[in-house]
């Protein structure tokens, strides 16, 4: 019998490559205060391969998937989050020799979800009366996502 999982305990982490193009398996750092992660399950484009002699129905093959550009993480805007995001930006900006940054969505009881990404500087997410100060922190995926064992 399947055991349903909760979103409780999911942690968003990052790590910098020590070898260009190779996903790190250790050394990930948690980003505190992440409240929501958007859907990252893009539908593949449908390429029409219907020949002219077809008389009944179109035929398709899957094309490229488009994650739609930057993804936005909704985050509590407080000092620990800002400090962590700025440290991540500093580490990313110091990368050389084609090295990149990987993001891990560590899900308790499952493998982790990984993708290479480019982070964006924080802006201000706005404010309203009697609410939590939040912001949207953006990551632009630049690799195909993959499921793999959780980092150590």
N, C-alpha and C. Protein backbone atom coordinates (compact mmCIF):
# COMPACT_ATOMS: atom_id res chain seq x y z
N UNK A 1 0.84 -1.18 0.00
CA UNK A 1 0.00 0.00 0.00
C UNK A 1 0.89 1.24 0.00
N UNK A 2 0.54 2.21 -0.81
CA UNK A 2 1.30 3.44 -0.93
C UNK A 2 1.14 4.30 0.32
N UNK A 3 2.17 5.04 0.64
CA UNK A 3 2.12 5.98 1.76
C UNK A 3 2.17 7.38 1.16
N UNK A 4 1.11 8.13 1.36
CA UNK A 4 1.08 9.49 0.86
C UNK A 4 2.06 10.34 1.65
N UNK A 5 2.63 11.32 1.00
CA UNK A 5 3.63 12.18 1.63
C UNK A 5 3.09 13.59 1.83
N UNK A 6 3.64 14.26 2.80
CA UNK A 6 3.29 15.64 3.09
C UNK A 6 4.38 16.55 2.53
N UNK A 7 4.04 17.80 2.33
CA UNK A 7 5.05 18.78 1.93
C UNK A 7 5.87 19.26 3.13
N UNK A 8 5.44 18.90 4.33
CA UNK A 8 6.17 19.31 5.54
C UNK A 8 7.58 18.75 5.51
N UNK A 9 8.53 19.59 5.78
CA UNK A 9 9.92 19.16 5.85
C UNK A 9 10.71 19.30 4.57
N UNK A 10 10.08 19.73 3.46
CA UNK A 10 10.83 19.94 2.22
C UNK A 10 11.81 21.09 2.45
N UNK A 11 13.04 20.89 2.00
CA UNK A 11 14.08 21.91 2.14
C UNK A 11 14.64 22.24 0.77
N UNK A 12 14.78 23.53 0.47
CA UNK A 12 15.41 23.98 -0.77
C UNK A 12 16.87 24.26 -0.44
N UNK A 13 17.77 23.65 -1.24
CA UNK A 13 19.21 23.79 -1.00
C UNK A 13 19.92 24.15 -2.29
N UNK A 14 21.16 24.61 -2.16
CA UNK A 14 21.98 24.89 -3.33
C UNK A 14 23.40 24.40 -3.08
N UNK A 15 24.12 24.14 -4.17
CA UNK A 15 25.55 23.81 -4.10
C UNK A 15 26.20 24.24 -5.40
N UNK A 16 27.46 24.63 -5.30
CA UNK A 16 28.23 25.04 -6.47
C UNK A 16 29.04 23.85 -7.00
N UNK A 17 29.16 23.77 -8.31
CA UNK A 17 29.95 22.70 -8.92
C UNK A 17 31.43 22.87 -8.59
N UNK A 18 32.09 21.76 -8.30
CA UNK A 18 33.55 21.79 -8.20
C UNK A 18 34.16 21.36 -9.53
N UNK A 19 33.38 20.61 -10.32
CA UNK A 19 33.76 20.24 -11.69
C UNK A 19 32.64 20.71 -12.60
N UNK A 20 32.96 21.51 -13.61
CA UNK A 20 31.95 22.06 -14.50
C UNK A 20 31.10 20.94 -15.11
N UNK A 21 29.78 21.12 -15.03
CA UNK A 21 28.85 20.18 -15.62
C UNK A 21 28.53 18.96 -14.79
N UNK A 22 29.09 18.87 -13.58
CA UNK A 22 28.85 17.70 -12.72
C UNK A 22 28.09 18.13 -11.48
N UNK A 23 26.92 17.49 -11.27
CA UNK A 23 26.10 17.84 -10.12
C UNK A 23 26.79 17.39 -8.83
N UNK A 24 26.94 18.30 -7.87
CA UNK A 24 27.50 17.92 -6.57
C UNK A 24 26.58 16.94 -5.84
N UNK A 25 27.15 16.05 -5.08
CA UNK A 25 26.35 15.12 -4.26
C UNK A 25 26.45 15.46 -2.78
N UNK A 26 27.35 16.37 -2.43
CA UNK A 26 27.52 16.81 -1.04
C UNK A 26 27.68 18.32 -1.01
N UNK A 27 27.66 18.88 0.19
CA UNK A 27 27.95 20.31 0.35
C UNK A 27 26.81 21.25 0.04
N UNK A 28 25.58 20.77 0.08
CA UNK A 28 24.44 21.64 -0.20
C UNK A 28 24.12 22.47 1.05
N UNK A 29 23.70 23.72 0.82
CA UNK A 29 23.34 24.65 1.87
C UNK A 29 21.86 24.97 1.78
N UNK A 30 21.15 24.91 2.89
CA UNK A 30 19.71 25.18 2.92
C UNK A 30 19.43 26.67 2.77
N UNK A 31 18.34 26.97 2.08
CA UNK A 31 17.83 28.34 1.99
C UNK A 31 16.62 28.42 2.92
N UNK A 32 16.72 29.15 4.02
CA UNK A 32 15.60 29.19 4.98
C UNK A 32 14.46 30.07 4.49
N UNK A 33 13.27 29.78 5.00
CA UNK A 33 12.13 30.67 4.76
C UNK A 33 11.36 30.44 3.48
N UNK A 34 11.66 29.38 2.72
CA UNK A 34 10.91 29.12 1.49
C UNK A 34 9.53 28.59 1.86
N UNK A 35 8.48 29.24 1.35
CA UNK A 35 7.10 28.88 1.69
C UNK A 35 6.41 28.10 0.59
N UNK A 36 6.82 28.33 -0.66
CA UNK A 36 6.19 27.58 -1.75
C UNK A 36 7.14 27.47 -2.93
N UNK A 37 6.97 26.35 -3.63
CA UNK A 37 7.76 26.04 -4.82
C UNK A 37 6.76 25.84 -5.95
N UNK A 38 6.98 26.47 -7.12
CA UNK A 38 6.01 26.30 -8.20
C UNK A 38 6.13 24.93 -8.87
N UNK A 39 5.12 24.59 -9.64
CA UNK A 39 5.10 23.38 -10.44
C UNK A 39 6.28 23.41 -11.41
N UNK A 40 7.03 22.32 -11.46
CA UNK A 40 8.14 22.20 -12.41
C UNK A 40 7.97 20.92 -13.22
N UNK A 41 6.83 20.78 -13.84
CA UNK A 41 6.52 19.60 -14.63
C UNK A 41 6.01 20.06 -15.99
N UNK A 42 6.90 20.64 -16.83
CA UNK A 42 6.44 21.22 -18.08
C UNK A 42 5.97 20.17 -19.09
N UNK A 43 4.93 20.51 -19.79
CA UNK A 43 4.40 19.66 -20.84
C UNK A 43 5.30 19.76 -22.07
N UNK A 44 5.62 18.64 -22.70
CA UNK A 44 6.43 18.73 -23.92
C UNK A 44 5.60 19.32 -25.07
N UNK A 45 6.26 20.04 -25.95
CA UNK A 45 5.61 20.51 -27.16
C UNK A 45 5.15 19.29 -27.96
N UNK A 46 4.09 19.45 -28.72
CA UNK A 46 3.59 18.36 -29.55
C UNK A 46 3.94 18.68 -31.00
N UNK A 47 4.76 17.83 -31.60
CA UNK A 47 5.20 18.04 -32.98
C UNK A 47 4.33 17.19 -33.90
N UNK A 48 3.69 17.86 -34.83
CA UNK A 48 2.77 17.19 -35.75
C UNK A 48 3.57 16.47 -36.84
N UNK A 49 3.43 15.15 -36.89
CA UNK A 49 4.13 14.33 -37.89
C UNK A 49 3.13 13.68 -38.86
N UNK A 50 1.94 14.27 -38.95
CA UNK A 50 0.90 13.72 -39.80
C UNK A 50 1.27 13.87 -41.27
N UNK A 51 1.34 12.75 -42.00
CA UNK A 51 1.65 12.85 -43.44
C UNK A 51 0.40 13.27 -44.23
N UNK A 52 0.61 13.77 -45.40
CA UNK A 52 -0.51 14.21 -46.23
C UNK A 52 -1.49 13.09 -46.55
N UNK A 53 -1.00 11.84 -46.61
CA UNK A 53 -1.91 10.74 -46.95
C UNK A 53 -2.84 10.34 -45.82
N UNK A 54 -2.62 10.86 -44.62
CA UNK A 54 -3.50 10.55 -43.48
C UNK A 54 -4.88 11.15 -43.74
N UNK A 55 -5.92 10.39 -43.47
CA UNK A 55 -7.29 10.87 -43.71
C UNK A 55 -8.17 10.85 -42.47
N UNK A 56 -7.65 10.34 -41.34
CA UNK A 56 -8.51 10.19 -40.16
C UNK A 56 -8.08 11.06 -38.99
N UNK A 57 -6.79 11.08 -38.72
CA UNK A 57 -6.38 11.73 -37.47
C UNK A 57 -4.92 12.18 -37.54
N UNK A 58 -4.63 13.25 -36.81
CA UNK A 58 -3.25 13.73 -36.70
C UNK A 58 -2.43 12.76 -35.87
N UNK A 59 -1.11 12.74 -36.08
CA UNK A 59 -0.17 11.98 -35.26
C UNK A 59 0.87 12.95 -34.74
N UNK A 60 1.32 12.71 -33.51
CA UNK A 60 2.27 13.62 -32.86
C UNK A 60 3.41 12.85 -32.22
N UNK A 61 4.53 13.54 -32.06
CA UNK A 61 5.63 13.06 -31.24
C UNK A 61 5.96 14.16 -30.24
N UNK A 62 6.49 13.79 -29.07
CA UNK A 62 6.82 14.85 -28.11
C UNK A 62 8.04 15.65 -28.56
N UNK A 63 7.96 16.95 -28.33
CA UNK A 63 9.07 17.85 -28.62
C UNK A 63 9.77 18.27 -27.34
N UNK A 64 10.34 19.42 -27.36
CA UNK A 64 11.08 19.94 -26.21
C UNK A 64 10.12 20.36 -25.10
N UNK A 65 10.59 20.24 -23.87
CA UNK A 65 9.85 20.76 -22.72
C UNK A 65 10.33 22.18 -22.47
N UNK A 66 9.41 23.05 -22.09
CA UNK A 66 9.76 24.43 -21.79
C UNK A 66 9.34 24.76 -20.37
N UNK A 67 10.32 24.90 -19.44
CA UNK A 67 9.95 25.22 -18.06
C UNK A 67 9.39 26.63 -17.91
N UNK A 68 9.42 27.42 -18.97
CA UNK A 68 8.79 28.73 -18.92
C UNK A 68 9.66 29.84 -18.35
N UNK A 69 10.96 29.64 -18.30
CA UNK A 69 11.84 30.67 -17.79
C UNK A 69 12.02 30.57 -16.28
N UNK A 70 12.22 31.71 -15.66
CA UNK A 70 12.50 31.74 -14.23
C UNK A 70 11.33 31.20 -13.43
N UNK A 71 11.67 30.49 -12.36
CA UNK A 71 10.65 30.03 -11.42
C UNK A 71 10.73 30.89 -10.17
N UNK A 72 9.60 31.14 -9.55
CA UNK A 72 9.58 32.00 -8.37
C UNK A 72 9.29 31.20 -7.11
N UNK A 73 10.18 31.29 -6.14
CA UNK A 73 9.98 30.69 -4.83
C UNK A 73 9.39 31.77 -3.92
N UNK A 74 8.26 31.49 -3.30
CA UNK A 74 7.70 32.44 -2.34
C UNK A 74 8.42 32.23 -1.01
N UNK A 75 8.97 33.30 -0.46
CA UNK A 75 9.81 33.20 0.73
C UNK A 75 9.42 34.26 1.77
N UNK A 76 9.57 33.89 3.05
CA UNK A 76 9.46 34.88 4.12
C UNK A 76 10.66 35.81 3.99
N UNK A 77 10.40 37.11 4.02
CA UNK A 77 11.47 38.09 3.86
C UNK A 77 11.94 38.52 5.25
N UNK A 78 12.95 37.78 5.76
CA UNK A 78 13.51 38.11 7.06
C UNK A 78 15.02 37.96 6.97
N UNK A 79 15.74 38.37 8.02
CA UNK A 79 17.19 38.50 7.93
C UNK A 79 17.90 37.20 7.59
N UNK A 80 17.47 36.05 8.14
CA UNK A 80 18.15 34.78 7.83
C UNK A 80 18.01 34.43 6.36
N UNK A 81 16.83 34.67 5.79
CA UNK A 81 16.62 34.40 4.37
C UNK A 81 17.49 35.32 3.52
N UNK A 82 17.45 36.61 3.79
CA UNK A 82 18.22 37.57 3.00
C UNK A 82 19.71 37.24 3.07
N UNK A 83 20.22 36.94 4.27
CA UNK A 83 21.64 36.59 4.43
C UNK A 83 21.99 35.34 3.61
N UNK A 84 21.13 34.33 3.66
CA UNK A 84 21.38 33.09 2.91
C UNK A 84 21.35 33.34 1.41
N UNK A 85 20.38 34.12 0.94
CA UNK A 85 20.28 34.38 -0.50
C UNK A 85 21.48 35.19 -0.98
N UNK A 86 21.89 36.19 -0.20
CA UNK A 86 23.06 36.99 -0.58
C UNK A 86 24.33 36.15 -0.59
N UNK A 87 24.48 35.22 0.36
CA UNK A 87 25.64 34.32 0.36
C UNK A 87 25.63 33.43 -0.88
N UNK A 88 24.46 32.95 -1.26
CA UNK A 88 24.33 32.14 -2.47
C UNK A 88 24.72 32.96 -3.70
N UNK A 89 24.23 34.20 -3.79
CA UNK A 89 24.57 35.07 -4.92
C UNK A 89 26.07 35.32 -4.99
N UNK A 90 26.70 35.57 -3.85
CA UNK A 90 28.15 35.82 -3.81
C UNK A 90 28.90 34.59 -4.30
N UNK A 91 28.52 33.41 -3.82
CA UNK A 91 29.17 32.17 -4.25
C UNK A 91 28.96 31.92 -5.74
N UNK A 92 27.75 32.21 -6.23
CA UNK A 92 27.47 32.01 -7.65
C UNK A 92 28.31 32.96 -8.50
N UNK A 93 28.38 34.21 -8.10
CA UNK A 93 29.12 35.21 -8.87
C UNK A 93 30.63 34.94 -8.88
N UNK A 94 31.13 34.17 -7.91
CA UNK A 94 32.55 33.83 -7.84
C UNK A 94 32.92 32.61 -8.70
N UNK A 95 31.92 31.93 -9.27
CA UNK A 95 32.20 30.74 -10.08
C UNK A 95 32.99 31.11 -11.33
N UNK A 96 33.89 30.22 -11.72
CA UNK A 96 34.69 30.41 -12.93
C UNK A 96 34.74 29.11 -13.72
N UNK A 97 35.36 29.14 -14.87
CA UNK A 97 35.62 27.95 -15.68
C UNK A 97 34.37 27.15 -16.03
N UNK A 98 33.26 27.85 -16.30
CA UNK A 98 32.05 27.17 -16.72
C UNK A 98 31.30 26.44 -15.63
N UNK A 99 31.69 26.64 -14.38
CA UNK A 99 31.01 25.97 -13.27
C UNK A 99 29.66 26.64 -13.00
N UNK A 100 28.73 25.87 -12.46
CA UNK A 100 27.39 26.38 -12.19
C UNK A 100 26.89 26.01 -10.82
N UNK A 101 25.64 26.37 -10.58
CA UNK A 101 25.00 26.13 -9.30
C UNK A 101 23.85 25.14 -9.50
N UNK A 102 23.70 24.24 -8.54
CA UNK A 102 22.60 23.27 -8.56
C UNK A 102 21.65 23.54 -7.41
N UNK A 103 20.36 23.33 -7.68
CA UNK A 103 19.31 23.46 -6.68
C UNK A 103 18.80 22.07 -6.37
N UNK A 104 18.54 21.82 -5.08
CA UNK A 104 17.96 20.56 -4.64
C UNK A 104 16.67 20.85 -3.89
N UNK A 105 15.60 20.18 -4.27
CA UNK A 105 14.39 20.16 -3.47
C UNK A 105 14.44 18.83 -2.72
N UNK A 106 14.85 18.88 -1.45
CA UNK A 106 15.00 17.68 -0.63
C UNK A 106 13.65 17.34 -0.01
N UNK A 107 13.11 16.20 -0.39
CA UNK A 107 11.77 15.79 0.01
C UNK A 107 11.89 14.60 0.95
N UNK A 108 11.49 14.75 2.21
CA UNK A 108 11.61 13.63 3.15
C UNK A 108 10.89 12.38 2.63
N UNK A 109 11.56 11.25 2.70
CA UNK A 109 10.96 9.99 2.30
C UNK A 109 11.05 9.70 0.82
N UNK A 110 11.71 10.57 0.05
CA UNK A 110 11.83 10.37 -1.41
C UNK A 110 13.24 10.75 -1.86
N UNK A 111 13.51 10.48 -3.14
CA UNK A 111 14.70 11.05 -3.75
C UNK A 111 14.51 12.56 -3.84
N UNK A 112 15.59 13.27 -4.12
CA UNK A 112 15.53 14.73 -4.28
C UNK A 112 15.36 15.09 -5.75
N UNK A 113 14.86 16.30 -5.98
CA UNK A 113 14.66 16.86 -7.31
C UNK A 113 15.76 17.89 -7.53
N UNK A 114 16.54 17.75 -8.60
CA UNK A 114 17.69 18.61 -8.85
C UNK A 114 17.58 19.31 -10.20
N UNK A 115 18.15 20.52 -10.28
CA UNK A 115 18.34 21.19 -11.56
C UNK A 115 19.43 22.25 -11.40
N UNK A 116 20.12 22.52 -12.49
CA UNK A 116 21.14 23.57 -12.52
C UNK A 116 20.38 24.89 -12.72
N UNK A 117 20.81 25.96 -12.06
CA UNK A 117 20.06 27.21 -12.13
C UNK A 117 20.94 28.43 -12.02
N UNK A 118 20.39 29.54 -12.48
CA UNK A 118 21.01 30.86 -12.33
C UNK A 118 20.11 31.66 -11.39
N UNK A 119 20.64 32.12 -10.26
CA UNK A 119 19.82 32.90 -9.32
C UNK A 119 19.73 34.37 -9.74
N UNK A 120 18.69 35.04 -9.31
CA UNK A 120 18.53 36.48 -9.54
C UNK A 120 18.61 37.22 -8.22
N UNK A 121 19.10 38.45 -8.28
CA UNK A 121 19.15 39.31 -7.09
C UNK A 121 17.73 39.52 -6.56
N UNK A 122 17.61 39.70 -5.26
CA UNK A 122 16.31 39.94 -4.64
C UNK A 122 15.82 41.35 -4.92
N UNK A 123 14.53 41.46 -5.08
CA UNK A 123 13.87 42.75 -5.15
C UNK A 123 13.02 42.91 -3.90
N UNK A 124 12.01 43.74 -3.98
CA UNK A 124 11.08 43.91 -2.86
C UNK A 124 9.73 43.38 -3.30
N UNK A 125 9.14 42.49 -2.51
CA UNK A 125 7.91 41.80 -2.90
C UNK A 125 6.63 42.54 -2.59
N UNK A 126 6.72 43.74 -2.08
CA UNK A 126 5.51 44.48 -1.74
C UNK A 126 5.09 44.21 -0.30
N UNK A 127 4.06 44.92 0.13
CA UNK A 127 3.58 44.78 1.50
C UNK A 127 2.13 45.21 1.55
N UNK A 128 1.42 44.68 2.54
CA UNK A 128 0.05 45.11 2.79
C UNK A 128 -0.22 45.06 4.28
N UNK A 129 -1.27 45.69 4.71
CA UNK A 129 -1.61 45.77 6.12
C UNK A 129 -1.86 44.38 6.69
N UNK A 130 -1.33 44.14 7.89
CA UNK A 130 -1.59 42.93 8.65
C UNK A 130 -1.26 41.65 7.88
N UNK A 131 -0.05 41.60 7.35
CA UNK A 131 0.37 40.39 6.64
C UNK A 131 1.85 40.15 6.86
N UNK A 132 2.29 38.99 6.45
CA UNK A 132 3.70 38.61 6.55
C UNK A 132 4.46 39.25 5.40
N UNK A 133 5.64 39.76 5.68
CA UNK A 133 6.48 40.31 4.63
C UNK A 133 7.10 39.15 3.86
N UNK A 134 6.78 39.08 2.58
CA UNK A 134 7.25 38.00 1.71
C UNK A 134 7.91 38.60 0.48
N UNK A 135 8.63 37.75 -0.23
CA UNK A 135 9.18 38.13 -1.53
C UNK A 135 9.18 36.90 -2.42
N UNK A 136 9.36 37.12 -3.70
CA UNK A 136 9.53 36.03 -4.64
C UNK A 136 10.99 36.04 -5.06
N UNK A 137 11.66 34.92 -4.81
CA UNK A 137 13.07 34.77 -5.18
C UNK A 137 13.12 33.92 -6.46
N UNK A 138 13.84 34.40 -7.46
CA UNK A 138 13.81 33.75 -8.77
C UNK A 138 15.07 32.95 -9.07
N UNK A 139 14.82 31.78 -9.65
CA UNK A 139 15.87 30.89 -10.15
C UNK A 139 15.52 30.56 -11.60
N UNK A 140 16.49 30.67 -12.49
CA UNK A 140 16.26 30.32 -13.89
C UNK A 140 16.91 28.98 -14.17
N UNK A 141 16.10 27.93 -14.39
CA UNK A 141 16.67 26.60 -14.68
C UNK A 141 17.45 26.63 -15.99
N UNK A 142 18.61 25.99 -16.00
CA UNK A 142 19.37 25.88 -17.25
C UNK A 142 19.90 24.48 -17.49
N UNK A 143 19.16 23.48 -16.96
CA UNK A 143 19.43 22.09 -17.26
C UNK A 143 18.12 21.32 -17.12
N UNK A 144 18.10 20.14 -17.67
CA UNK A 144 16.92 19.30 -17.49
C UNK A 144 16.89 18.87 -16.02
N UNK A 145 15.73 18.88 -15.39
CA UNK A 145 15.65 18.43 -14.00
C UNK A 145 15.80 16.92 -13.92
N UNK A 146 16.22 16.45 -12.75
CA UNK A 146 16.40 15.01 -12.56
C UNK A 146 16.13 14.63 -11.11
N UNK A 147 15.62 13.44 -10.91
CA UNK A 147 15.46 12.87 -9.58
C UNK A 147 16.69 12.04 -9.29
N UNK A 148 17.22 12.17 -8.07
CA UNK A 148 18.39 11.39 -7.65
C UNK A 148 18.38 11.31 -6.13
N UNK A 149 19.26 10.48 -5.60
CA UNK A 149 19.37 10.32 -4.15
C UNK A 149 19.64 11.67 -3.50
N UNK A 150 19.13 11.83 -2.30
CA UNK A 150 19.32 13.07 -1.55
C UNK A 150 20.80 13.32 -1.29
N UNK A 151 21.18 14.58 -1.25
CA UNK A 151 22.57 14.95 -0.97
C UNK A 151 22.92 14.57 0.48
N UNK A 152 24.20 14.52 0.74
CA UNK A 152 24.65 14.23 2.09
C UNK A 152 25.37 15.43 2.66
